Every structure is written in structure tokens, then in C-alpha cells.
Amino acid sequence: MKLGWNFRTGLNRFLTSWKNASDPSPGEYTYGMDNVLLPQLVIAKGSKKMFRTGPWNGLWFTGTPGLAATYRSVVKPIFVYNTNELYYSYESFNSSTITRLKLSESGLIQRLVVTEGSTEWAVMYTLQNDECNSYGLCGANGICRISKSPICECLHGFVPKSPDEWGVLIGQVGVSGRHH
């Protein structure tokens, strides 16, 4: 399957989550190619970006370097960007290994794999598995550090717009970024 755009027809191929585990009607999340200057894969909740992979560097998406070595042993990523189309796809290196991408009802992308002799799908990796991967979590002038509490802090030279609100909300994840 191709995730992305056919520019000649205007077709955009993307994944849509289920409403919940027992209801396959369309859910709140999508995963597809963001058609911008430097294209990247994006998880969105409605029109709001929740996660992005970073742009393609010729080998993998820049925001997922830790996954590159993991999945390159199982799949060959394919990225095409020309005047006719823009898409991401992949091929399995080994015909006895079957792999797929799943967008969960909670907005997580998982690569699932079944190897020869197995009948169970195993999770190879999950994208957006820590809060700092959430798109724009700490705001335009904030930085996210998963090892700190609170995880958001101001870049050097910036201060919260509302110090009083900052003091009240300092322990709440994700709130601090809106005050830069």
C-alpha cells in the first residue's frame, strides 16, 4: 500500500483509526503524508497534528532514527516524490515475514510482524510512545525533556507569558508550552 498523494488524480491515501476496538467505523485519527515543502508522515486528530516523523533524508524519516536500524532489517522503506506522486511504502526483505502498519484508536502507529511458524502478530515498534513526540507539545519557544518534571521548559532567553498561570500549572504535562 502507498501512503500519500497521486497528484494527477488528487487521490490521497492514508490510514484511519477505528472508532474503538469493537467498532470499525472511522475513528478520530489519521496517518498519512503531509504534502508540504519537506514531506513527512503525520498522525492527526481531526485537523490537529499530533505527531510527525520529520522529513525523509534518503534512508529514513529524520524524526525516527532509532527505528531505522530496527525496521531496515525487516523492511525496505520506499519513498517517492516527483511531479506525479508523493508516497511512502515498504517491501519485506524476507518473503516468510509479513508486516503491516496499524493506527490504533488512541492514535498510535504500530508496525506489526508475523514470522514464519508464528500465528500471532507481534509489535515491532510503536510511534508516538513518549509525550515529547507529540507535535508542538511545548509551544513555539519551548523545549521538551522527557527526563524532567515538568517536561516542558522555555528556550534560553524566553519566559512564560503568564508566570502566575505557570506556577499553578507547572506540574501538568503539556500545559506549560502554551504559555511561551
N, C-alpha and C. Protein backbone atom coordinates (compact mmCIF):
# COMPACT_ATOMS: atom_id res chain seq x y z
N MET A 1 0.84 -1.18 0.00
CA MET A 1 0.00 0.00 0.00
C MET A 1 0.88 1.24 0.00
N LYS A 2 0.43 2.26 -0.68
CA LYS A 2 1.11 3.55 -0.70
C LYS A 2 0.40 4.48 0.27
N LEU A 3 1.18 5.19 1.11
CA LEU A 3 0.64 6.27 1.94
C LEU A 3 1.07 7.56 1.29
N GLY A 4 0.12 8.31 0.74
CA GLY A 4 0.49 9.57 0.11
C GLY A 4 -0.41 9.95 -1.04
N TRP A 5 0.13 10.79 -1.90
CA TRP A 5 -0.64 11.51 -2.91
C TRP A 5 -0.35 11.05 -4.33
N ASN A 6 -1.41 10.99 -5.13
CA ASN A 6 -1.31 10.90 -6.58
C ASN A 6 -1.71 12.29 -7.07
N PHE A 7 -0.74 13.07 -7.54
CA PHE A 7 -1.02 14.46 -7.91
C PHE A 7 -1.89 14.57 -9.16
N ARG A 8 -1.82 13.59 -10.06
CA ARG A 8 -2.63 13.65 -11.28
C ARG A 8 -4.12 13.51 -10.98
N THR A 9 -4.46 12.64 -10.05
CA THR A 9 -5.88 12.39 -9.75
C THR A 9 -6.35 13.12 -8.49
N GLY A 10 -5.40 13.59 -7.66
CA GLY A 10 -5.77 14.22 -6.40
C GLY A 10 -6.04 13.23 -5.28
N LEU A 11 -5.82 11.94 -5.53
CA LEU A 11 -6.07 10.90 -4.53
C LEU A 11 -5.03 10.96 -3.42
N ASN A 12 -5.51 10.97 -2.18
CA ASN A 12 -4.65 10.94 -1.00
C ASN A 12 -4.95 9.65 -0.26
N ARG A 13 -3.94 8.79 -0.12
CA ARG A 13 -4.10 7.52 0.59
C ARG A 13 -3.55 7.66 2.00
N PHE A 14 -4.35 7.31 3.01
CA PHE A 14 -3.92 7.42 4.40
C PHE A 14 -4.65 6.37 5.22
N LEU A 15 -4.13 6.11 6.42
CA LEU A 15 -4.79 5.19 7.35
C LEU A 15 -5.76 5.98 8.22
N THR A 16 -6.85 5.35 8.60
CA THR A 16 -7.80 5.93 9.55
C THR A 16 -8.00 4.94 10.68
N SER A 17 -7.99 5.43 11.91
CA SER A 17 -8.21 4.54 13.05
C SER A 17 -9.67 4.09 13.10
N TRP A 18 -9.89 3.00 13.82
CA TRP A 18 -11.24 2.58 14.14
C TRP A 18 -11.78 3.46 15.25
N LYS A 19 -13.10 3.49 15.39
CA LYS A 19 -13.72 4.25 16.48
C LYS A 19 -13.31 3.67 17.83
N ASN A 20 -13.34 2.35 17.94
CA ASN A 20 -12.81 1.65 19.11
C ASN A 20 -12.53 0.21 18.71
N ALA A 21 -12.03 -0.60 19.63
CA ALA A 21 -11.57 -1.95 19.31
C ALA A 21 -12.67 -2.84 18.73
N SER A 22 -13.94 -2.57 19.03
CA SER A 22 -15.03 -3.40 18.52
C SER A 22 -15.90 -2.69 17.48
N ASP A 23 -15.56 -1.44 17.14
CA ASP A 23 -16.34 -0.66 16.16
C ASP A 23 -15.42 -0.16 15.05
N PRO A 24 -15.47 -0.81 13.87
CA PRO A 24 -14.56 -0.44 12.78
C PRO A 24 -14.95 0.83 12.00
N SER A 25 -15.98 1.53 12.44
CA SER A 25 -16.31 2.78 11.75
C SER A 25 -15.17 3.79 11.97
N PRO A 26 -15.04 4.79 11.08
CA PRO A 26 -13.89 5.71 11.16
C PRO A 26 -13.76 6.39 12.52
N GLY A 27 -12.53 6.36 13.04
CA GLY A 27 -12.23 6.99 14.32
C GLY A 27 -11.71 8.41 14.13
N GLU A 28 -11.07 8.93 15.17
CA GLU A 28 -10.63 10.32 15.19
C GLU A 28 -9.27 10.55 14.54
N TYR A 29 -8.46 9.52 14.36
CA TYR A 29 -7.08 9.69 13.94
C TYR A 29 -6.83 9.27 12.50
N THR A 30 -5.89 9.97 11.85
CA THR A 30 -5.42 9.59 10.53
C THR A 30 -3.89 9.57 10.55
N TYR A 31 -3.32 8.81 9.63
CA TYR A 31 -1.86 8.74 9.47
C TYR A 31 -1.58 8.77 7.98
N GLY A 32 -0.89 9.81 7.55
CA GLY A 32 -0.61 9.93 6.13
C GLY A 32 0.47 10.94 5.85
N MET A 33 0.69 11.17 4.57
CA MET A 33 1.75 12.07 4.11
C MET A 33 1.27 13.50 4.14
N ASP A 34 2.03 14.34 4.82
CA ASP A 34 1.78 15.78 4.87
C ASP A 34 2.44 16.37 3.63
N ASN A 35 1.65 16.96 2.76
CA ASN A 35 2.15 17.48 1.49
C ASN A 35 2.63 18.92 1.68
N VAL A 36 3.83 19.05 2.23
CA VAL A 36 4.44 20.35 2.45
C VAL A 36 5.81 20.36 1.78
N LEU A 37 6.55 21.46 1.92
CA LEU A 37 7.85 21.59 1.27
C LEU A 37 8.76 20.39 1.55
N LEU A 38 8.87 20.00 2.82
CA LEU A 38 9.62 18.80 3.20
C LEU A 38 8.62 17.77 3.71
N PRO A 39 8.10 16.92 2.83
CA PRO A 39 7.04 15.98 3.22
C PRO A 39 7.46 15.06 4.36
N GLN A 40 6.47 14.72 5.19
CA GLN A 40 6.70 13.83 6.31
C GLN A 40 5.39 13.11 6.62
N LEU A 41 5.48 12.00 7.35
CA LEU A 41 4.29 11.29 7.78
C LEU A 41 3.78 11.93 9.06
N VAL A 42 2.46 12.07 9.16
CA VAL A 42 1.84 12.78 10.27
C VAL A 42 0.66 11.98 10.83
N ILE A 43 0.59 11.90 12.16
CA ILE A 43 -0.62 11.41 12.82
C ILE A 43 -1.41 12.66 13.19
N ALA A 44 -2.68 12.69 12.81
CA ALA A 44 -3.53 13.84 13.11
C ALA A 44 -4.80 13.37 13.81
N LYS A 45 -5.31 14.22 14.68
CA LYS A 45 -6.61 14.01 15.31
C LYS A 45 -7.49 15.10 14.73
N GLY A 46 -8.34 14.72 13.78
CA GLY A 46 -9.06 15.73 13.02
C GLY A 46 -8.06 16.51 12.19
N SER A 47 -8.04 17.83 12.32
CA SER A 47 -7.09 18.66 11.57
C SER A 47 -5.85 19.02 12.41
N LYS A 48 -5.80 18.55 13.66
CA LYS A 48 -4.68 18.89 14.54
C LYS A 48 -3.57 17.84 14.47
N LYS A 49 -2.35 18.28 14.11
CA LYS A 49 -1.22 17.37 14.07
C LYS A 49 -0.86 16.94 15.49
N MET A 50 -0.68 15.63 15.66
CA MET A 50 -0.33 15.09 16.97
C MET A 50 1.10 14.57 17.00
N PHE A 51 1.61 14.11 15.85
CA PHE A 51 2.95 13.52 15.75
C PHE A 51 3.42 13.66 14.32
N ARG A 52 4.73 13.86 14.14
CA ARG A 52 5.29 13.87 12.80
C ARG A 52 6.62 13.13 12.81
N THR A 53 6.94 12.52 11.68
CA THR A 53 8.17 11.72 11.60
C THR A 53 9.40 12.56 11.29
N GLY A 54 9.23 13.78 10.83
CA GLY A 54 10.34 14.54 10.27
C GLY A 54 10.48 14.17 8.81
N PRO A 55 11.21 14.97 8.03
CA PRO A 55 11.31 14.72 6.59
C PRO A 55 12.20 13.52 6.26
N TRP A 56 12.05 13.01 5.05
CA TRP A 56 12.83 11.90 4.53
C TRP A 56 14.24 12.39 4.22
N ASN A 57 15.27 11.63 4.64
CA ASN A 57 16.66 12.04 4.39
C ASN A 57 17.35 11.16 3.34
N GLY A 58 16.59 10.33 2.69
CA GLY A 58 17.16 9.42 1.70
C GLY A 58 17.24 7.98 2.19
N LEU A 59 17.22 7.81 3.53
CA LEU A 59 17.27 6.47 4.13
C LEU A 59 16.10 6.20 5.05
N TRP A 60 15.65 7.22 5.80
CA TRP A 60 14.54 7.10 6.74
C TRP A 60 14.02 8.50 7.04
N PHE A 61 12.95 8.55 7.81
CA PHE A 61 12.41 9.84 8.25
C PHE A 61 13.24 10.32 9.43
N THR A 62 13.68 11.57 9.39
CA THR A 62 14.68 12.08 10.34
C THR A 62 14.24 12.03 11.80
N GLY A 63 12.96 12.06 12.07
CA GLY A 63 12.49 12.01 13.45
C GLY A 63 12.41 10.61 14.02
N THR A 64 12.81 9.60 13.25
CA THR A 64 12.72 8.22 13.70
C THR A 64 14.03 7.46 13.52
N PRO A 65 15.19 8.06 13.83
CA PRO A 65 16.45 7.37 13.58
C PRO A 65 16.62 6.09 14.38
N GLY A 66 16.08 6.02 15.58
CA GLY A 66 16.20 4.82 16.39
C GLY A 66 15.46 3.64 15.78
N LEU A 67 14.42 3.93 15.02
CA LEU A 67 13.66 2.85 14.38
C LEU A 67 14.31 2.37 13.11
N ALA A 68 15.13 3.22 12.51
CA ALA A 68 15.70 2.91 11.20
C ALA A 68 16.41 1.56 11.19
N ALA A 69 17.30 1.35 12.12
CA ALA A 69 18.06 0.09 12.17
C ALA A 69 17.12 -1.08 12.47
N THR A 70 16.13 -0.85 13.32
CA THR A 70 15.20 -1.90 13.69
C THR A 70 14.40 -2.37 12.49
N TYR A 71 13.78 -1.43 11.78
CA TYR A 71 12.91 -1.90 10.70
C TYR A 71 13.65 -2.16 9.40
N ARG A 72 14.85 -1.62 9.21
CA ARG A 72 15.59 -1.90 7.98
C ARG A 72 16.02 -3.35 7.90
N SER A 73 16.05 -4.05 9.03
CA SER A 73 16.38 -5.48 8.98
C SER A 73 15.17 -6.30 8.54
N VAL A 74 13.98 -5.72 8.59
CA VAL A 74 12.75 -6.43 8.23
C VAL A 74 12.13 -5.89 6.94
N VAL A 75 12.13 -4.55 6.79
CA VAL A 75 11.51 -3.94 5.61
C VAL A 75 12.46 -2.98 4.90
N LYS A 76 12.23 -2.84 3.62
CA LYS A 76 12.95 -1.85 2.81
C LYS A 76 11.98 -0.69 2.60
N PRO A 77 12.28 0.49 3.21
CA PRO A 77 11.39 1.62 3.02
C PRO A 77 11.50 2.17 1.60
N ILE A 78 10.38 2.65 1.07
CA ILE A 78 10.32 3.23 -0.27
C ILE A 78 9.70 4.62 -0.14
N PHE A 79 10.37 5.61 -0.66
CA PHE A 79 9.86 6.98 -0.64
C PHE A 79 9.96 7.53 -2.05
N VAL A 80 8.84 7.99 -2.59
CA VAL A 80 8.79 8.53 -3.94
C VAL A 80 8.21 9.93 -3.89
N TYR A 81 8.92 10.87 -4.53
CA TYR A 81 8.44 12.26 -4.60
C TYR A 81 8.85 12.82 -5.96
N ASN A 82 7.86 12.95 -6.84
CA ASN A 82 8.11 13.52 -8.15
C ASN A 82 6.88 14.33 -8.58
N THR A 83 6.81 14.73 -9.83
CA THR A 83 5.69 15.57 -10.28
C THR A 83 4.37 14.82 -10.30
N ASN A 84 4.41 13.47 -10.36
CA ASN A 84 3.18 12.68 -10.42
C ASN A 84 2.66 12.21 -9.07
N GLU A 85 3.59 11.94 -8.14
CA GLU A 85 3.15 11.38 -6.87
C GLU A 85 4.14 11.62 -5.74
N LEU A 86 3.62 11.48 -4.53
CA LEU A 86 4.39 11.59 -3.28
C LEU A 86 3.85 10.51 -2.36
N TYR A 87 4.70 9.52 -2.04
CA TYR A 87 4.20 8.46 -1.17
C TYR A 87 5.33 7.74 -0.44
N TYR A 88 4.93 7.06 0.63
CA TYR A 88 5.79 6.15 1.39
C TYR A 88 5.18 4.76 1.26
N SER A 89 6.04 3.78 1.11
CA SER A 89 5.62 2.39 1.07
C SER A 89 6.79 1.55 1.60
N TYR A 90 6.68 0.25 1.57
CA TYR A 90 7.77 -0.61 2.01
C TYR A 90 7.61 -1.99 1.40
N GLU A 91 8.71 -2.71 1.36
CA GLU A 91 8.72 -4.11 0.93
C GLU A 91 9.38 -4.93 2.02
N SER A 92 8.96 -6.17 2.19
CA SER A 92 9.62 -7.07 3.15
C SER A 92 10.91 -7.59 2.53
N PHE A 93 11.96 -7.68 3.34
CA PHE A 93 13.21 -8.27 2.88
C PHE A 93 13.10 -9.78 2.74
N ASN A 94 12.28 -10.38 3.58
CA ASN A 94 12.17 -11.83 3.63
C ASN A 94 10.72 -12.22 3.34
N SER A 95 10.51 -13.07 2.36
CA SER A 95 9.14 -13.45 1.98
C SER A 95 8.42 -14.23 3.07
N SER A 96 9.15 -14.76 4.06
CA SER A 96 8.50 -15.50 5.14
C SER A 96 8.06 -14.58 6.29
N THR A 97 8.35 -13.28 6.17
CA THR A 97 7.94 -12.31 7.18
C THR A 97 6.86 -11.41 6.60
N ILE A 98 5.77 -11.30 7.31
CA ILE A 98 4.68 -10.42 6.89
C ILE A 98 4.59 -9.27 7.90
N THR A 99 4.51 -8.06 7.41
CA THR A 99 4.45 -6.90 8.29
C THR A 99 3.36 -5.94 7.81
N ARG A 100 2.82 -5.19 8.75
CA ARG A 100 1.79 -4.19 8.43
C ARG A 100 1.86 -3.05 9.43
N LEU A 101 1.29 -1.92 9.03
CA LEU A 101 1.15 -0.78 9.93
C LEU A 101 -0.28 -0.72 10.42
N LYS A 102 -0.44 -0.38 11.69
CA LYS A 102 -1.77 -0.26 12.29
C LYS A 102 -1.84 1.09 13.00
N LEU A 103 -2.93 1.81 12.78
CA LEU A 103 -3.20 3.04 13.51
C LEU A 103 -4.27 2.71 14.55
N SER A 104 -3.88 2.76 15.82
CA SER A 104 -4.80 2.38 16.89
C SER A 104 -5.86 3.45 17.11
N GLU A 105 -6.91 3.08 17.81
CA GLU A 105 -7.98 4.04 18.12
C GLU A 105 -7.51 5.15 19.05
N SER A 106 -6.35 4.98 19.68
CA SER A 106 -5.81 6.03 20.56
C SER A 106 -4.73 6.87 19.86
N GLY A 107 -4.52 6.63 18.55
CA GLY A 107 -3.61 7.47 17.78
C GLY A 107 -2.16 7.02 17.77
N LEU A 108 -1.90 5.75 18.03
CA LEU A 108 -0.53 5.23 17.97
C LEU A 108 -0.34 4.42 16.70
N ILE A 109 0.82 4.58 16.05
CA ILE A 109 1.17 3.76 14.89
C ILE A 109 2.01 2.60 15.39
N GLN A 110 1.62 1.40 14.99
CA GLN A 110 2.39 0.22 15.35
C GLN A 110 2.77 -0.54 14.09
N ARG A 111 4.02 -0.99 14.03
CA ARG A 111 4.40 -1.94 12.99
C ARG A 111 4.27 -3.32 13.61
N LEU A 112 3.43 -4.13 13.00
CA LEU A 112 3.19 -5.49 13.47
C LEU A 112 3.87 -6.45 12.51
N VAL A 113 4.33 -7.57 13.03
CA VAL A 113 5.05 -8.54 12.22
C VAL A 113 4.64 -9.96 12.60
N VAL A 114 4.56 -10.82 11.59
CA VAL A 114 4.36 -12.25 11.79
C VAL A 114 5.50 -12.95 11.06
N THR A 115 6.21 -13.79 11.76
CA THR A 115 7.32 -14.52 11.14
C THR A 115 6.91 -15.95 10.84
N GLU A 116 7.70 -16.60 10.01
CA GLU A 116 7.41 -17.98 9.63
C GLU A 116 7.28 -18.87 10.86
N GLY A 117 6.23 -19.67 10.89
CA GLY A 117 5.99 -20.57 12.00
C GLY A 117 5.14 -19.96 13.11
N SER A 118 4.88 -18.66 13.04
CA SER A 118 4.07 -17.98 14.06
C SER A 118 2.67 -17.71 13.51
N THR A 119 1.72 -17.64 14.42
CA THR A 119 0.35 -17.28 14.03
C THR A 119 -0.11 -16.00 14.72
N GLU A 120 0.78 -15.37 15.46
CA GLU A 120 0.45 -14.17 16.23
C GLU A 120 1.16 -12.95 15.66
N TRP A 121 0.45 -11.82 15.62
CA TRP A 121 1.07 -10.55 15.26
C TRP A 121 1.84 -10.04 16.48
N ALA A 122 3.11 -9.72 16.28
CA ALA A 122 3.94 -9.14 17.34
C ALA A 122 4.19 -7.67 17.03
N VAL A 123 4.24 -6.83 18.06
CA VAL A 123 4.51 -5.40 17.87
C VAL A 123 6.02 -5.22 17.72
N MET A 124 6.42 -4.72 16.57
CA MET A 124 7.83 -4.47 16.31
C MET A 124 8.25 -3.12 16.89
N TYR A 125 7.41 -2.10 16.72
CA TYR A 125 7.63 -0.79 17.34
C TYR A 125 6.33 -0.01 17.36
N THR A 126 6.32 1.01 18.20
CA THR A 126 5.18 1.92 18.31
C THR A 126 5.70 3.34 18.17
N LEU A 127 5.05 4.12 17.29
CA LEU A 127 5.40 5.54 17.16
C LEU A 127 4.53 6.36 18.08
N GLN A 128 5.08 7.43 18.55
CA GLN A 128 4.45 8.36 19.49
C GLN A 128 4.29 7.68 20.85
N ASN A 129 5.36 7.03 21.28
CA ASN A 129 5.27 6.30 22.53
C ASN A 129 5.84 7.08 23.72
N ASP A 130 6.26 8.33 23.51
CA ASP A 130 6.53 9.18 24.67
C ASP A 130 5.98 10.57 24.41
N GLU A 131 5.67 11.27 25.46
CA GLU A 131 4.96 12.53 25.35
C GLU A 131 5.72 13.59 24.55
N CYS A 132 7.04 13.56 24.56
CA CYS A 132 7.81 14.55 23.82
C CYS A 132 7.69 14.37 22.31
N ASN A 133 7.18 13.24 21.84
CA ASN A 133 6.95 13.05 20.42
C ASN A 133 5.68 13.73 19.94
N SER A 134 4.85 14.22 20.85
CA SER A 134 3.61 14.89 20.47
C SER A 134 3.94 16.21 19.79
N TYR A 135 3.33 16.44 18.65
CA TYR A 135 3.61 17.62 17.84
C TYR A 135 3.28 18.91 18.58
N GLY A 136 4.24 19.82 18.68
CA GLY A 136 4.02 21.14 19.26
C GLY A 136 3.67 21.15 20.73
N LEU A 137 4.00 20.10 21.47
CA LEU A 137 3.60 19.98 22.88
C LEU A 137 4.04 21.17 23.71
N CYS A 138 5.26 21.63 23.54
CA CYS A 138 5.79 22.69 24.40
C CYS A 138 5.75 24.07 23.76
N GLY A 139 5.07 24.21 22.66
CA GLY A 139 4.91 25.52 22.04
C GLY A 139 6.11 25.91 21.19
N ALA A 140 5.98 27.06 20.53
CA ALA A 140 7.00 27.52 19.58
C ALA A 140 8.34 27.82 20.25
N ASN A 141 8.35 28.28 21.48
CA ASN A 141 9.59 28.66 22.15
C ASN A 141 9.87 27.80 23.37
N GLY A 142 9.35 26.59 23.33
CA GLY A 142 9.56 25.66 24.43
C GLY A 142 10.32 24.44 23.96
N ILE A 143 10.89 23.73 24.91
CA ILE A 143 11.62 22.51 24.61
C ILE A 143 11.12 21.40 25.55
N CYS A 144 11.00 20.21 25.00
CA CYS A 144 10.50 19.08 25.77
C CYS A 144 11.67 18.20 26.18
N ARG A 145 11.72 17.88 27.47
CA ARG A 145 12.75 16.97 28.00
C ARG A 145 12.02 15.91 28.82
N ILE A 146 11.91 14.72 28.24
CA ILE A 146 11.14 13.65 28.86
C ILE A 146 11.67 13.28 30.24
N SER A 147 12.95 13.53 30.50
CA SER A 147 13.54 13.15 31.78
C SER A 147 13.32 14.20 32.87
N LYS A 148 12.66 15.32 32.56
CA LYS A 148 12.46 16.38 33.56
C LYS A 148 10.99 16.48 33.95
N SER A 149 10.75 17.10 35.07
CA SER A 149 9.39 17.37 35.52
C SER A 149 9.31 18.83 35.96
N PRO A 150 8.48 19.65 35.34
CA PRO A 150 7.65 19.34 34.18
C PRO A 150 8.51 19.11 32.94
N ILE A 151 7.94 18.44 31.93
CA ILE A 151 8.73 18.09 30.75
C ILE A 151 8.96 19.28 29.83
N CYS A 152 8.16 20.32 29.92
CA CYS A 152 8.33 21.49 29.07
C CYS A 152 9.07 22.59 29.82
N GLU A 153 10.00 23.24 29.10
CA GLU A 153 10.68 24.40 29.67
C GLU A 153 10.91 25.41 28.54
N CYS A 154 11.18 26.63 28.91
CA CYS A 154 11.41 27.68 27.92
C CYS A 154 12.80 27.57 27.33
N LEU A 155 12.93 27.91 26.05
CA LEU A 155 14.25 28.04 25.45
C LEU A 155 14.98 29.19 26.14
N HIS A 156 16.32 29.14 26.10
CA HIS A 156 17.13 30.20 26.71
C HIS A 156 16.70 31.55 26.16
N GLY A 157 16.43 32.49 27.05
CA GLY A 157 16.02 33.83 26.66
C GLY A 157 14.52 34.05 26.63
N PHE A 158 13.73 32.99 26.85
CA PHE A 158 12.28 33.11 26.87
C PHE A 158 11.77 32.83 28.27
N VAL A 159 10.64 33.45 28.60
CA VAL A 159 9.98 33.24 29.89
C VAL A 159 8.50 32.99 29.63
N PRO A 160 7.80 32.37 30.56
CA PRO A 160 6.36 32.15 30.39
C PRO A 160 5.63 33.48 30.25
N LYS A 161 4.59 33.50 29.41
CA LYS A 161 3.78 34.71 29.24
C LYS A 161 3.06 35.07 30.53
N SER A 162 2.63 34.05 31.25
CA SER A 162 1.89 34.27 32.48
C SER A 162 2.56 33.51 33.63
N PRO A 163 3.47 34.14 34.37
CA PRO A 163 4.15 33.46 35.48
C PRO A 163 3.19 32.89 36.53
N ASP A 164 2.06 33.59 36.78
CA ASP A 164 1.09 33.09 37.75
C ASP A 164 0.48 31.77 37.28
N GLU A 165 0.07 31.73 36.01
CA GLU A 165 -0.50 30.50 35.46
C GLU A 165 0.55 29.41 35.45
N TRP A 166 1.79 29.76 35.10
CA TRP A 166 2.88 28.80 35.07
C TRP A 166 3.04 28.13 36.44
N GLY A 167 3.01 28.93 37.49
CA GLY A 167 3.16 28.41 38.85
C GLY A 167 2.07 27.44 39.22
N VAL A 168 0.84 27.72 38.79
CA VAL A 168 -0.29 26.85 39.10
C VAL A 168 -0.22 25.56 38.29
N LEU A 169 0.22 25.67 37.02
CA LEU A 169 0.15 24.54 36.11
C LEU A 169 1.47 23.80 35.95
N ILE A 170 2.49 24.18 36.68
CA ILE A 170 3.85 23.66 36.45
C ILE A 170 3.95 22.13 36.47
N GLY A 171 3.13 21.47 37.20
CA GLY A 171 3.22 20.01 37.25
C GLY A 171 2.36 19.30 36.24
N GLN A 172 1.60 20.03 35.42
CA GLN A 172 0.69 19.38 34.49
C GLN A 172 1.34 19.28 33.12
N VAL A 173 1.48 18.06 32.62
CA VAL A 173 2.13 17.79 31.35
C VAL A 173 1.36 18.45 30.21
N GLY A 174 2.10 19.10 29.30
CA GLY A 174 1.51 19.64 28.09
C GLY A 174 0.93 21.02 28.24
N VAL A 175 0.71 21.50 29.43
CA VAL A 175 0.09 22.81 29.60
C VAL A 175 1.10 23.93 29.50
N SER A 176 2.31 23.68 29.97
CA SER A 176 3.31 24.72 30.05
C SER A 176 3.66 25.32 28.69
N GLY A 177 3.64 24.54 27.63
CA GLY A 177 4.03 25.03 26.31
C GLY A 177 3.14 26.11 25.77
N ARG A 178 1.93 26.21 26.23
CA ARG A 178 1.01 27.20 25.71
C ARG A 178 1.30 28.60 26.28
N HIS A 179 2.24 28.70 27.17
CA HIS A 179 2.50 29.97 27.84
C HIS A 179 3.77 30.65 27.39
N HIS A 180 4.40 30.18 26.33
CA HIS A 180 5.64 30.78 25.85
C HIS A 180 5.32 31.81 24.79
